[in-house]
N, C-alpha and C. Protein backbone atom coordinates (compact mmCIF):
# COMPACT_ATOMS: atom_id res chain seq x y z
N MET A 1 -0.22 43.93 -18.36
CA MET A 1 -0.69 42.94 -19.51
C MET A 1 -1.20 41.53 -18.65
N LYS A 2 -2.00 41.06 -19.14
CA LYS A 2 -2.70 39.89 -18.33
C LYS A 2 -1.69 38.78 -18.54
N LYS A 3 -1.52 37.84 -17.58
CA LYS A 3 -0.38 36.82 -17.10
C LYS A 3 -1.21 35.63 -17.92
N PRO A 4 -0.57 34.75 -18.43
CA PRO A 4 -0.82 33.57 -19.09
C PRO A 4 -1.49 32.62 -17.58
N SER A 5 -2.60 32.07 -18.28
CA SER A 5 -3.14 31.13 -17.46
C SER A 5 -2.53 30.10 -16.70
N LEU A 6 -2.31 29.72 -15.46
CA LEU A 6 -1.85 28.77 -15.18
C LEU A 6 -2.29 27.23 -14.95
N HIS A 7 -3.57 27.23 -15.45
CA HIS A 7 -4.64 26.28 -15.34
C HIS A 7 -3.80 25.13 -16.23
N GLN A 8 -3.48 25.59 -17.44
CA GLN A 8 -3.35 24.20 -18.43
C GLN A 8 -2.28 23.40 -18.08
N PRO A 9 -1.13 23.88 -17.77
CA PRO A 9 0.25 23.21 -17.25
C PRO A 9 -0.01 22.45 -15.84
N ILE A 10 -0.84 23.25 -15.17
CA ILE A 10 -1.14 22.21 -13.73
C ILE A 10 -2.02 21.09 -14.30
N LEU A 11 -2.97 21.56 -14.94
CA LEU A 11 -3.95 20.33 -15.34
C LEU A 11 -3.14 19.05 -16.24
N PHE A 12 -2.27 19.42 -16.94
CA PHE A 12 -1.34 18.56 -17.68
C PHE A 12 -0.61 17.64 -16.67
N PHE A 13 -0.07 18.59 -15.72
CA PHE A 13 0.90 17.58 -14.66
C PHE A 13 -0.07 16.60 -14.01
N PHE A 14 -1.15 17.05 -13.54
CA PHE A 14 -2.12 16.21 -12.81
C PHE A 14 -2.67 14.89 -13.68
N LEU A 15 -2.86 15.21 -14.60
CA LEU A 15 -2.96 14.15 -15.76
C LEU A 15 -2.11 13.09 -16.11
N ALA A 16 -1.15 13.45 -16.05
CA ALA A 16 0.14 12.85 -16.38
C ALA A 16 0.78 12.24 -15.29
N THR A 17 0.02 12.64 -14.08
CA THR A 17 0.81 12.25 -12.69
C THR A 17 -0.15 10.95 -11.89
N LEU A 18 -1.41 11.30 -12.02
CA LEU A 18 -2.58 10.82 -11.02
C LEU A 18 -2.51 9.22 -11.38
N LEU A 19 -2.62 9.00 -12.96
CA LEU A 19 -2.97 7.64 -12.86
C LEU A 19 -1.82 6.79 -12.46
N PRO A 20 -0.28 7.10 -12.76
CA PRO A 20 0.72 6.19 -12.24
C PRO A 20 0.62 6.35 -10.98
N LEU A 21 0.13 7.27 -9.97
CA LEU A 21 0.37 7.22 -8.45
C LEU A 21 -0.68 6.39 -8.15
N ILE A 22 -1.77 6.16 -8.72
CA ILE A 22 -2.86 5.12 -8.38
C ILE A 22 -2.55 3.78 -8.48
N LEU A 23 -1.70 3.58 -9.58
CA LEU A 23 -1.14 2.31 -9.75
C LEU A 23 -0.08 2.05 -8.85
N THR A 24 0.50 2.91 -8.16
CA THR A 24 2.01 2.72 -7.40
C THR A 24 1.34 2.67 -6.09
N VAL A 25 0.30 3.54 -5.37
CA VAL A 25 0.13 3.62 -4.07
C VAL A 25 -0.75 2.28 -4.03
N HIS A 26 -1.63 1.91 -4.85
CA HIS A 26 -2.24 0.36 -4.56
C HIS A 26 -1.88 -0.81 -5.17
N SER A 27 -0.42 -0.50 -5.25
CA SER A 27 0.25 -1.66 -5.73
C SER A 27 0.30 -2.61 -4.62
N GLN A 28 0.07 -4.02 -4.67
CA GLN A 28 0.65 -4.91 -3.38
C GLN A 28 1.98 -5.65 -3.73
N PRO A 29 2.06 -6.13 -2.63
CA PRO A 29 3.66 -6.62 -2.63
C PRO A 29 3.59 -7.78 -3.40
N SER A 30 4.68 -7.96 -4.25
CA SER A 30 5.11 -9.24 -4.94
C SER A 30 4.80 -10.68 -4.15
N PRO A 31 4.73 -11.70 -4.68
CA PRO A 31 4.89 -13.16 -3.88
C PRO A 31 6.25 -13.44 -3.93
N SER A 32 7.25 -12.76 -4.34
CA SER A 32 8.40 -13.03 -4.32
C SER A 32 8.94 -12.95 -3.02
N PRO A 33 10.28 -12.88 -2.86
CA PRO A 33 10.78 -13.05 -1.49
C PRO A 33 10.89 -11.37 -1.03
N SER A 34 10.80 -11.21 0.38
CA SER A 34 10.62 -9.97 0.84
C SER A 34 11.69 -8.88 0.35
N PRO A 35 11.35 -7.62 0.04
CA PRO A 35 12.74 -6.94 -0.31
C PRO A 35 13.75 -6.51 0.62
N SER A 36 13.24 -6.89 1.92
CA SER A 36 14.28 -6.54 2.70
C SER A 36 15.67 -7.38 2.56
N PRO A 37 16.90 -7.18 2.98
CA PRO A 37 17.99 -7.79 2.65
C PRO A 37 18.11 -8.55 4.06
N SER A 38 17.16 -8.47 5.14
CA SER A 38 17.30 -9.45 6.18
C SER A 38 16.01 -10.75 6.02
N PRO A 39 16.51 -11.80 6.44
CA PRO A 39 15.21 -13.14 6.44
C PRO A 39 14.07 -12.54 7.02
N SER A 40 13.09 -12.64 6.48
CA SER A 40 11.54 -12.87 6.93
C SER A 40 11.63 -13.83 8.21
N PRO A 41 11.45 -13.15 9.30
CA PRO A 41 11.20 -13.69 10.80
C PRO A 41 10.14 -14.78 10.68
N SER A 42 10.14 -15.67 11.30
CA SER A 42 9.36 -16.93 11.41
C SER A 42 9.34 -17.55 13.15
N PRO A 43 8.02 -17.65 13.42
CA PRO A 43 6.83 -17.89 12.89
C PRO A 43 6.43 -16.11 12.26
N SER A 44 5.15 -15.85 11.73
CA SER A 44 4.75 -14.57 11.32
C SER A 44 4.58 -13.67 12.52
N PRO A 45 4.33 -12.40 12.46
CA PRO A 45 4.33 -11.89 13.51
C PRO A 45 2.72 -11.39 13.54
N SER A 46 2.04 -11.39 14.88
CA SER A 46 0.87 -11.11 14.83
C SER A 46 0.84 -9.79 14.76
N PRO A 47 -0.98 -9.18 14.51
CA PRO A 47 -0.82 -7.86 14.04
C PRO A 47 -0.14 -6.92 15.30
N SER A 48 -0.25 -7.28 16.86
CA SER A 48 0.12 -6.54 17.68
C SER A 48 1.62 -6.49 17.42
N ASP A 49 2.51 -7.47 17.11
CA ASP A 49 3.90 -7.14 16.57
C ASP A 49 4.11 -6.12 15.67
N ASP A 50 3.22 -6.24 14.42
CA ASP A 50 3.28 -5.70 13.48
C ASP A 50 3.17 -3.99 13.89
N SER A 51 1.98 -3.74 14.79
CA SER A 51 1.94 -2.54 15.19
C SER A 51 3.23 -1.71 15.92
N ASP A 52 3.49 -2.73 16.90
CA ASP A 52 4.81 -2.12 17.73
C ASP A 52 6.18 -2.10 16.99
N PHE A 53 6.21 -2.73 15.79
CA PHE A 53 7.23 -2.53 14.59
C PHE A 53 7.14 -1.20 14.11
N ILE A 54 6.03 -0.77 13.74
CA ILE A 54 5.56 0.38 13.00
C ILE A 54 5.96 1.25 14.10
N GLN A 55 5.48 1.58 15.38
CA GLN A 55 5.88 2.33 16.40
C GLN A 55 7.41 2.45 16.78
N ARG A 56 8.02 1.49 17.25
CA ARG A 56 9.51 1.11 17.17
C ARG A 56 10.21 2.05 16.17
N SER A 57 9.96 1.95 14.88
CA SER A 57 10.49 2.21 13.83
C SER A 57 10.26 3.98 13.74
N CYS A 58 9.02 4.28 14.18
CA CYS A 58 8.64 5.64 14.03
C CYS A 58 9.42 6.46 15.11
N ASN A 59 9.81 6.13 15.94
CA ASN A 59 10.24 6.55 17.27
C ASN A 59 11.77 6.87 16.84
N THR A 60 12.11 6.69 15.96
CA THR A 60 13.74 6.99 15.31
C THR A 60 13.46 8.30 14.42
N THR A 61 12.47 8.46 13.73
CA THR A 61 12.02 9.68 13.10
C THR A 61 11.75 11.19 14.07
N LEU A 62 12.04 12.27 13.16
CA LEU A 62 11.61 13.45 13.71
C LEU A 62 10.36 13.74 14.18
N TYR A 63 9.28 13.27 13.70
CA TYR A 63 7.91 13.29 13.76
C TYR A 63 7.03 12.00 14.22
N PRO A 64 7.46 11.28 15.29
CA PRO A 64 7.15 10.10 15.63
C PRO A 64 5.38 9.87 15.72
N ASP A 65 4.99 10.97 16.04
CA ASP A 65 3.72 10.76 16.04
C ASP A 65 2.72 10.85 14.55
N VAL A 66 3.64 11.74 14.15
CA VAL A 66 2.87 11.76 12.57
C VAL A 66 3.30 10.76 11.63
N CYS A 67 4.40 10.06 12.10
CA CYS A 67 4.69 8.66 11.40
C CYS A 67 3.88 7.38 11.74
N ALA A 68 3.57 7.31 12.98
CA ALA A 68 2.81 6.06 13.61
C ALA A 68 1.22 6.50 12.99
N SER A 69 0.63 7.51 13.00
CA SER A 69 -0.88 7.58 12.76
C SER A 69 -0.71 7.67 11.16
N SER A 70 0.26 8.03 10.39
CA SER A 70 0.08 7.94 8.73
C SER A 70 0.58 6.63 8.24
N LEU A 71 0.95 5.61 9.24
CA LEU A 71 1.70 4.09 9.00
C LEU A 71 0.48 3.34 9.43
N SER A 72 -0.47 3.74 10.45
CA SER A 72 -1.05 2.55 11.11
C SER A 72 -1.81 1.73 10.40
N ASN A 73 -2.26 2.06 8.87
CA ASN A 73 -3.05 1.20 8.31
C ASN A 73 -2.28 0.03 7.40
N PHE A 74 -0.89 0.07 7.46
CA PHE A 74 0.19 -0.82 6.84
C PHE A 74 0.30 -1.70 7.95
N SER A 75 0.12 -1.95 8.97
CA SER A 75 0.73 -2.68 10.02
C SER A 75 0.33 -4.22 9.51
N THR A 76 -0.59 -4.68 8.68
CA THR A 76 -0.62 -6.11 8.27
C THR A 76 0.12 -6.20 6.84
N TYR A 77 0.49 -5.04 6.24
CA TYR A 77 1.15 -5.08 5.17
C TYR A 77 2.84 -5.14 5.47
N VAL A 78 3.19 -4.58 6.33
CA VAL A 78 4.77 -4.06 6.26
C VAL A 78 5.36 -5.60 6.69
N HIS A 79 4.84 -6.32 7.71
CA HIS A 79 5.04 -7.51 8.24
C HIS A 79 6.56 -7.49 8.76
N ASN A 80 6.75 -6.38 9.72
CA ASN A 80 8.28 -6.22 10.67
C ASN A 80 9.40 -6.01 9.48
N ASP A 81 9.25 -5.78 8.07
CA ASP A 81 9.80 -5.62 6.95
C ASP A 81 10.30 -3.97 7.04
N PRO A 82 11.72 -3.76 7.21
CA PRO A 82 11.83 -2.24 7.16
C PRO A 82 11.75 -1.68 6.10
N ALA A 83 12.29 -2.50 4.63
CA ALA A 83 11.91 -2.00 3.36
C ALA A 83 10.28 -1.59 3.00
N LEU A 84 9.84 -2.79 3.28
CA LEU A 84 8.24 -2.70 3.16
C LEU A 84 7.74 -1.22 3.89
N LEU A 85 8.49 -1.00 5.06
CA LEU A 85 7.90 0.00 5.82
C LEU A 85 8.08 1.23 5.00
N ALA A 86 9.54 1.78 4.73
CA ALA A 86 9.64 2.61 4.10
C ALA A 86 8.99 2.90 2.77
N ARG A 87 8.71 1.76 1.89
CA ARG A 87 8.06 1.97 0.79
C ARG A 87 6.74 2.40 1.12
N ALA A 88 5.81 2.01 1.95
CA ALA A 88 4.77 2.50 2.32
C ALA A 88 5.01 4.12 2.74
N ALA A 89 5.60 4.41 3.58
CA ALA A 89 5.99 5.98 4.02
C ALA A 89 6.17 6.70 2.62
N ILE A 90 6.78 6.17 1.71
CA ILE A 90 6.84 7.01 0.46
C ILE A 90 5.56 7.35 0.06
N SER A 91 4.93 6.04 -0.22
CA SER A 91 3.61 5.97 -0.94
C SER A 91 2.80 7.03 -0.40
N VAL A 92 2.67 6.89 0.97
CA VAL A 92 1.91 8.08 2.04
C VAL A 92 2.27 9.46 1.45
N THR A 93 3.48 9.49 1.48
CA THR A 93 4.14 11.10 1.18
C THR A 93 3.76 11.53 0.08
N LEU A 94 3.68 10.55 -1.11
CA LEU A 94 3.50 10.93 -2.42
C LEU A 94 2.00 11.23 -2.62
N SER A 95 1.15 10.60 -1.97
CA SER A 95 -0.36 11.12 -2.19
C SER A 95 -0.64 12.32 -1.77
N LYS A 96 -0.15 12.52 -0.41
CA LYS A 96 -0.48 13.50 0.22
C LYS A 96 0.33 15.03 -0.76
N ALA A 97 1.39 14.62 -1.33
CA ALA A 97 2.13 15.93 -1.97
C ALA A 97 0.95 15.94 -3.19
N LEU A 98 0.22 14.90 -3.75
CA LEU A 98 -0.36 15.13 -5.05
C LEU A 98 -1.73 15.94 -4.30
N GLU A 99 -2.18 15.59 -3.34
CA GLU A 99 -3.46 16.38 -2.72
C GLU A 99 -3.28 17.82 -2.84
N LEU A 100 -1.86 17.94 -2.15
CA LEU A 100 -1.32 19.26 -1.99
C LEU A 100 -1.24 20.16 -3.45
N GLY A 101 -1.06 19.26 -4.82
CA GLY A 101 -0.66 19.85 -5.87
C GLY A 101 -2.05 20.39 -6.25
N LYS A 102 -3.56 19.64 -6.01
CA LYS A 102 -4.62 19.71 -6.56
C LYS A 102 -5.10 20.92 -5.94
N TYR A 103 -5.04 21.27 -4.57
CA TYR A 103 -5.21 22.18 -4.21
C TYR A 103 -4.83 23.80 -4.47
N LEU A 104 -3.22 23.60 -4.66
CA LEU A 104 -2.72 24.44 -5.65
C LEU A 104 -3.18 24.83 -7.12
N SER A 105 -3.76 23.68 -7.56
CA SER A 105 -4.58 24.05 -9.24
C SER A 105 -5.80 24.56 -8.68
N ASN A 106 -6.33 24.54 -7.66
CA ASN A 106 -7.45 25.16 -7.64
C ASN A 106 -7.63 26.70 -7.44
N VAL A 107 -6.53 27.03 -6.38
CA VAL A 107 -6.45 28.40 -6.26
C VAL A 107 -5.37 29.21 -6.86
N SER A 108 -4.35 28.61 -7.46
CA SER A 108 -3.32 29.59 -8.12
C SER A 108 -3.52 30.57 -9.39
N THR A 109 -4.63 29.87 -9.99
CA THR A 109 -4.95 30.69 -11.03
C THR A 109 -6.27 31.85 -10.72
N LEU A 110 -6.65 32.23 -9.77
CA LEU A 110 -7.63 32.83 -9.14
C LEU A 110 -6.70 34.05 -8.51
N LEU A 111 -5.82 33.71 -7.96
CA LEU A 111 -5.01 34.71 -7.37
C LEU A 111 -3.90 35.86 -8.05
N GLU A 112 -4.15 37.02 -7.83
CA GLU A 112 -3.29 37.81 -8.47
C GLU A 112 -3.54 39.48 -7.56
N ILE A 113 -2.50 39.42 -6.78
CA ILE A 113 -2.99 40.66 -5.60
C ILE A 113 -1.76 41.84 -5.94
N HIS A 114 -2.56 43.24 -6.17
CA HIS A 114 -1.71 44.22 -6.24
C HIS A 114 -2.34 45.11 -5.05
N GLU A 115 -1.12 45.93 -4.63
CA GLU A 115 -1.73 46.57 -3.57
C GLU A 115 -1.30 48.32 -3.82
N ASP A 116 -2.32 49.02 -4.12
CA ASP A 116 -1.96 50.28 -4.30
C ASP A 116 -0.86 50.42 -5.16
N GLY A 117 -0.67 49.82 -6.10
CA GLY A 117 0.23 49.57 -7.08
C GLY A 117 1.61 49.65 -6.77
N VAL A 118 1.96 49.31 -5.77
CA VAL A 118 3.28 48.77 -4.91
C VAL A 118 3.93 47.64 -5.49
N PRO A 119 4.62 47.64 -6.19
CA PRO A 119 5.47 46.33 -6.84
C PRO A 119 5.87 45.47 -5.60
N HIS A 120 5.41 44.05 -5.62
CA HIS A 120 5.82 42.92 -5.07
C HIS A 120 5.50 41.45 -5.43
N PRO A 121 5.92 40.37 -4.98
CA PRO A 121 5.94 39.35 -5.41
C PRO A 121 4.12 38.83 -5.43
N THR A 122 3.82 38.90 -6.60
CA THR A 122 2.04 38.42 -6.55
C THR A 122 1.91 37.04 -5.71
N THR A 123 0.69 36.88 -5.08
CA THR A 123 0.45 35.66 -4.63
C THR A 123 0.17 34.46 -5.79
N ALA A 124 0.01 34.90 -6.75
CA ALA A 124 -0.51 33.85 -7.62
C ALA A 124 1.00 33.47 -8.35
N ALA A 125 1.91 34.44 -8.36
CA ALA A 125 3.16 33.58 -9.19
C ALA A 125 3.72 33.01 -7.64
N VAL A 126 3.82 33.37 -6.73
CA VAL A 126 4.61 32.51 -5.73
C VAL A 126 3.90 31.18 -5.70
N PHE A 127 2.33 31.25 -5.48
CA PHE A 127 1.66 29.94 -5.73
C PHE A 127 2.29 29.04 -6.70
N HIS A 128 2.32 29.79 -8.31
CA HIS A 128 3.07 28.90 -9.44
C HIS A 128 4.27 28.10 -9.03
N ASP A 129 5.15 29.26 -8.44
CA ASP A 129 6.54 29.04 -7.87
C ASP A 129 6.28 27.42 -7.33
N CYS A 130 5.73 27.65 -6.05
CA CYS A 130 5.45 26.60 -5.52
C CYS A 130 5.07 25.48 -5.90
N PHE A 131 4.25 25.27 -6.95
CA PHE A 131 3.81 24.31 -7.48
C PHE A 131 4.75 23.64 -8.44
N GLU A 132 5.46 24.44 -9.05
CA GLU A 132 6.70 24.04 -9.86
C GLU A 132 7.54 23.34 -8.86
N THR A 133 7.95 23.85 -7.82
CA THR A 133 8.89 23.03 -6.92
C THR A 133 8.36 21.75 -6.24
N LEU A 134 6.82 21.79 -6.22
CA LEU A 134 6.21 20.50 -5.49
C LEU A 134 6.21 19.44 -6.49
N LYS A 135 6.26 19.95 -7.89
CA LYS A 135 6.20 19.07 -9.29
C LYS A 135 7.51 18.40 -9.02
N ASP A 136 8.71 19.12 -8.93
CA ASP A 136 9.86 18.52 -9.03
C ASP A 136 9.98 17.46 -7.80
N ALA A 137 9.32 18.06 -6.47
CA ALA A 137 9.48 16.87 -5.34
C ALA A 137 8.42 15.56 -5.62
N VAL A 138 7.47 15.78 -6.52
CA VAL A 138 6.59 14.39 -6.39
C VAL A 138 7.49 13.64 -7.55
N ASP A 139 8.20 14.46 -8.61
CA ASP A 139 9.14 13.41 -9.65
C ASP A 139 9.89 12.35 -8.80
N GLU A 140 10.32 13.07 -7.68
CA GLU A 140 11.81 12.58 -7.10
C GLU A 140 11.24 11.69 -6.10
N MET A 141 9.86 11.64 -5.57
CA MET A 141 9.16 10.74 -4.76
C MET A 141 8.73 9.48 -5.54
N ARG A 142 8.49 9.92 -6.78
CA ARG A 142 7.89 8.79 -7.98
C ARG A 142 9.07 7.95 -7.92
N ASP A 143 10.27 8.79 -8.47
CA ASP A 143 11.43 7.91 -8.74
C ASP A 143 12.07 6.73 -7.33
N SER A 144 11.87 7.45 -6.49
CA SER A 144 12.13 6.82 -5.03
C SER A 144 11.28 5.76 -5.07
N MET A 145 10.05 5.65 -5.41
CA MET A 145 8.99 4.73 -5.13
C MET A 145 8.94 3.45 -6.04
N LYS A 146 9.77 3.94 -7.42
CA LYS A 146 10.09 2.92 -8.34
C LYS A 146 11.47 2.21 -7.90
N GLN A 147 12.27 2.85 -7.39
CA GLN A 147 13.85 2.22 -7.20
C GLN A 147 13.07 1.09 -5.79
N MET A 148 12.34 1.60 -4.94
CA MET A 148 11.64 0.84 -3.74
C MET A 148 11.07 -0.81 -4.51
N ARG A 149 10.09 -0.50 -5.47
CA ARG A 149 9.51 -1.59 -6.14
C ARG A 149 10.31 -2.22 -6.69
N ASP A 150 11.60 -1.82 -7.26
CA ASP A 150 12.57 -2.70 -8.34
C ASP A 150 13.68 -3.09 -7.27
N LEU A 151 13.60 -2.94 -6.09
CA LEU A 151 14.76 -3.03 -4.90
C LEU A 151 15.24 -4.71 -5.32
N VAL A 152 16.52 -4.72 -5.17
CA VAL A 152 16.69 -6.31 -5.58
C VAL A 152 18.00 -6.43 -4.23
N THR A 153 17.62 -7.51 -3.66
CA THR A 153 18.34 -7.55 -2.14
C THR A 153 18.98 -9.02 -2.47
N THR A 154 19.06 -9.41 -3.71
CA THR A 154 19.94 -11.01 -3.51
C THR A 154 21.39 -10.78 -3.93
N GLY A 155 21.66 -9.40 -4.22
CA GLY A 155 22.88 -9.42 -4.92
C GLY A 155 23.97 -8.92 -3.53
N SER A 156 24.92 -7.99 -3.82
CA SER A 156 25.74 -7.78 -2.51
C SER A 156 25.29 -6.70 -1.89
N LEU A 157 25.93 -6.43 -1.02
CA LEU A 157 25.65 -5.54 0.00
C LEU A 157 25.78 -4.04 -0.37
N GLU A 158 26.76 -3.97 -1.12
CA GLU A 158 27.36 -2.77 -2.08
C GLU A 158 26.17 -2.42 -3.22
N SER A 159 25.50 -3.33 -3.79
CA SER A 159 24.83 -3.05 -4.94
C SER A 159 23.63 -2.66 -3.81
N PHE A 160 23.11 -3.24 -2.99
CA PHE A 160 21.87 -2.73 -2.31
C PHE A 160 21.96 -1.47 -1.56
N ARG A 161 23.44 -1.05 -1.14
CA ARG A 161 23.48 0.55 -0.56
C ARG A 161 23.52 1.47 -1.55
N PHE A 162 23.94 0.87 -2.97
CA PHE A 162 23.71 1.93 -4.34
C PHE A 162 22.33 2.20 -4.41
N GLN A 163 21.56 1.12 -4.56
CA GLN A 163 20.22 1.51 -5.06
C GLN A 163 19.40 2.15 -3.98
N MET A 164 20.05 2.08 -2.59
CA MET A 164 19.07 2.74 -1.51
C MET A 164 19.66 4.14 -1.41
N SER A 165 20.82 4.27 -2.15
CA SER A 165 21.80 5.74 -1.98
C SER A 165 20.64 6.36 -2.82
N ASN A 166 20.28 5.98 -3.96
CA ASN A 166 19.35 6.74 -4.63
C ASN A 166 18.01 7.42 -4.26
N VAL A 167 17.55 6.37 -3.40
CA VAL A 167 16.43 6.40 -2.79
C VAL A 167 16.42 7.85 -1.76
N GLN A 168 17.53 7.72 -0.88
CA GLN A 168 18.02 8.50 -0.40
C GLN A 168 18.26 9.97 -0.74
N THR A 169 19.08 9.99 -1.77
CA THR A 169 19.56 11.40 -2.75
C THR A 169 17.94 12.01 -3.28
N TRP A 170 16.89 11.21 -3.54
CA TRP A 170 15.63 11.80 -4.08
C TRP A 170 14.95 12.24 -3.12
N LEU A 171 15.04 11.78 -1.96
CA LEU A 171 13.85 12.13 -1.14
C LEU A 171 14.70 13.31 -0.27
N SER A 172 15.84 13.30 -0.20
CA SER A 172 16.40 14.80 0.27
C SER A 172 16.31 15.86 -0.69
N ALA A 173 16.26 15.44 -1.83
CA ALA A 173 16.00 16.51 -2.84
C ALA A 173 14.55 16.97 -2.58
N ALA A 174 13.78 16.09 -2.60
CA ALA A 174 12.04 16.48 -2.59
C ALA A 174 11.98 17.32 -1.12
N LEU A 175 12.48 16.99 -0.04
CA LEU A 175 12.69 17.97 0.84
C LEU A 175 13.09 19.10 0.73
N THR A 176 14.11 19.44 0.23
CA THR A 176 14.56 20.62 -0.19
C THR A 176 13.61 21.52 -1.05
N ASN A 177 13.00 20.89 -2.10
CA ASN A 177 12.16 21.45 -2.90
C ASN A 177 10.74 22.14 -1.97
N GLU A 178 10.33 21.03 -1.30
CA GLU A 178 9.46 21.46 -0.47
C GLU A 178 9.62 22.83 0.34
N GLU A 179 10.82 22.63 1.05
CA GLU A 179 11.15 24.00 1.55
C GLU A 179 11.60 25.00 1.23
N THR A 180 11.92 24.88 -0.26
CA THR A 180 12.02 26.08 -1.07
C THR A 180 10.42 26.70 -1.50
N CYS A 181 9.30 25.80 -1.50
CA CYS A 181 7.82 26.36 -1.84
C CYS A 181 7.61 27.29 -0.47
N THR A 182 7.85 26.97 0.73
CA THR A 182 7.62 27.60 1.64
C THR A 182 7.97 28.96 1.94
N ASP A 183 9.36 28.69 1.63
CA ASP A 183 10.39 30.32 1.43
C ASP A 183 10.15 31.14 0.78
N GLY A 184 9.21 30.85 -0.47
CA GLY A 184 8.52 31.73 -1.31
C GLY A 184 7.63 32.64 -0.80
N PHE A 185 6.67 32.20 0.01
CA PHE A 185 5.96 32.91 0.74
C PHE A 185 6.29 34.14 1.74
N LYS A 186 7.39 34.01 2.08
CA LYS A 186 7.96 35.02 3.28
C LYS A 186 7.63 36.48 2.84
N ASP A 187 7.66 36.57 1.31
CA ASP A 187 7.94 38.36 1.07
C ASP A 187 6.16 38.58 0.54
N VAL A 188 5.20 37.60 0.86
CA VAL A 188 3.95 37.99 0.47
C VAL A 188 2.96 38.11 1.40
N GLN A 189 2.07 38.85 1.42
CA GLN A 189 1.59 39.75 2.80
C GLN A 189 0.29 38.39 3.18
N ASP A 190 0.26 38.37 4.70
CA ASP A 190 -0.61 37.27 5.28
C ASP A 190 -2.00 37.30 4.59
N GLU A 191 -2.41 36.30 4.60
CA GLU A 191 -3.65 36.01 3.65
C GLU A 191 -3.91 34.63 4.09
N PRO A 192 -5.16 33.93 4.14
CA PRO A 192 -5.54 32.94 4.81
C PRO A 192 -5.11 31.69 3.46
N ARG A 193 -5.05 32.01 2.76
CA ARG A 193 -4.47 30.85 1.73
C ARG A 193 -3.02 30.72 1.70
N LYS A 194 -2.38 31.83 2.16
CA LYS A 194 -1.02 31.45 2.19
C LYS A 194 -0.75 30.99 3.35
N ASP A 195 -1.49 31.04 4.52
CA ASP A 195 -1.47 29.97 5.64
C ASP A 195 -1.97 28.62 5.60
N GLU A 196 -2.74 28.64 4.65
CA GLU A 196 -3.27 27.19 4.62
C GLU A 196 -2.28 26.24 3.63
N VAL A 197 -1.70 27.00 2.69
CA VAL A 197 -0.88 26.38 1.76
C VAL A 197 0.77 26.03 2.87
N CYS A 198 1.12 27.16 3.48
CA CYS A 198 2.14 26.63 3.92
C CYS A 198 1.76 25.85 4.94
N ALA A 199 0.78 25.60 5.85
CA ALA A 199 0.76 24.52 6.69
C ALA A 199 0.40 23.11 6.01
N ARG A 200 -0.20 23.11 4.95
CA ARG A 200 -0.12 21.86 3.96
C ARG A 200 1.40 21.52 3.54
N VAL A 201 2.14 22.13 2.92
CA VAL A 201 3.35 21.95 2.63
C VAL A 201 4.27 21.56 3.87
N ASP A 202 3.94 22.10 5.16
CA ASP A 202 4.55 21.66 6.44
C ASP A 202 4.22 20.21 6.51
N GLY A 203 2.92 19.92 6.33
CA GLY A 203 2.36 18.38 6.64
C GLY A 203 3.32 17.35 5.69
N VAL A 204 3.51 17.77 4.44
CA VAL A 204 4.25 17.21 3.68
C VAL A 204 5.60 16.70 3.82
N LYS A 205 6.25 18.15 4.21
CA LYS A 205 7.70 18.15 4.40
C LYS A 205 7.70 16.77 5.69
N LYS A 206 7.07 16.73 6.43
CA LYS A 206 7.17 15.91 7.76
C LYS A 206 7.00 14.57 7.25
N LEU A 207 6.01 14.50 6.33
CA LEU A 207 6.09 12.96 5.99
C LEU A 207 7.23 12.51 4.92
N THR A 208 7.61 13.57 4.34
CA THR A 208 9.03 13.55 3.36
C THR A 208 10.22 13.35 4.52
N SER A 209 10.10 13.88 5.38
CA SER A 209 11.62 13.82 6.69
C SER A 209 11.30 12.34 7.32
N ASN A 210 10.31 11.94 7.62
CA ASN A 210 10.16 10.71 8.10
C ASN A 210 10.21 9.49 7.17
N ALA A 211 10.03 9.28 5.99
CA ALA A 211 10.07 8.46 4.80
C ALA A 211 11.61 8.63 4.85
N LEU A 212 12.26 9.61 4.78
CA LEU A 212 13.75 9.51 4.70
C LEU A 212 14.50 9.01 5.94
N ALA A 213 13.99 9.16 7.05
CA ALA A 213 14.56 8.32 8.30
C ALA A 213 14.23 7.21 8.27
N LEU A 214 13.12 6.51 7.99
CA LEU A 214 12.78 4.98 7.87
C LEU A 214 13.78 4.21 6.70
N VAL A 215 14.00 5.11 5.75
CA VAL A 215 14.87 4.60 4.55
C VAL A 215 16.44 4.58 5.04
N ASN A 216 16.74 5.58 5.82
CA ASN A 216 17.98 5.48 6.46
C ASN A 216 17.98 4.27 7.47
N ARG A 217 17.04 4.09 7.90
CA ARG A 217 16.95 3.10 9.28
C ARG A 217 16.98 1.58 8.43
N CYS A 218 16.40 1.50 7.51
CA CYS A 218 16.12 0.15 6.20
C CYS A 218 17.87 0.03 6.02
N VAL A 219 18.70 0.87 5.31
CA VAL A 219 19.99 0.89 5.28
C VAL A 219 20.91 0.28 6.30
N ASP A 220 20.39 1.22 7.38
CA ASP A 220 21.29 0.91 8.91
C ASP A 220 21.27 -0.78 9.22
N ASN A 221 19.92 -1.13 8.78
CA ASN A 221 19.89 -2.58 9.58
C ASN A 221 20.44 -3.84 8.71
N ALA A 222 20.59 -3.25 7.27
CA ALA A 222 21.08 -4.23 6.53
C ALA A 222 22.54 -4.12 6.77
N ILE A 223 23.21 -3.06 7.09
CA ILE A 223 24.68 -3.11 7.29
C ILE A 223 24.93 -3.69 8.76
N HIS A 224 24.08 -3.45 9.70
CA HIS A 224 24.83 -3.99 10.92
C HIS A 224 23.95 -5.27 11.19
């Protein structure tokens, strides 16, 4: 029996997701006080100081080179602010996750492999499962981004920690969903598109891991 097309749910997902992402990724920092719980340094840091801050922060992640290269364009935006840096890292990760979803939407409806009538998970089905877990990861990243935008640092430390714990939980869940995506390909025969999607998911996993590490660093800086 012919399986229903995956194109419509995938297209709907991206129509529902892309516009809010554009508004999120390109949002500018509010003129209100910095969201970091630490006072803003004075005088303002130089561009060199900003770059050094990003590199030092990235050195605390599992993938420091990926971290530094992905955030280098934000050096004049973060101003030595751990919360702004974490927010930028989540934004970059979300953008890359949507790029991956677009790739999946372009190939998943084209793939349905059967070899000699032997039952096995079809590549199309695994791509679809990967897309579904990625959709959950994107939702969790968007929740994290919203929490970082709405971060209130003028209250108690416990309030700040509660807000950040939400971000930590969502990013951890997103990382788990990304790992689930690649796990599904273990029983699928080797082919170029399988290798391509696994490589792309691995890249998003590294960005997610780095974003979570920078969020953790933000919390640690506020506590100590």
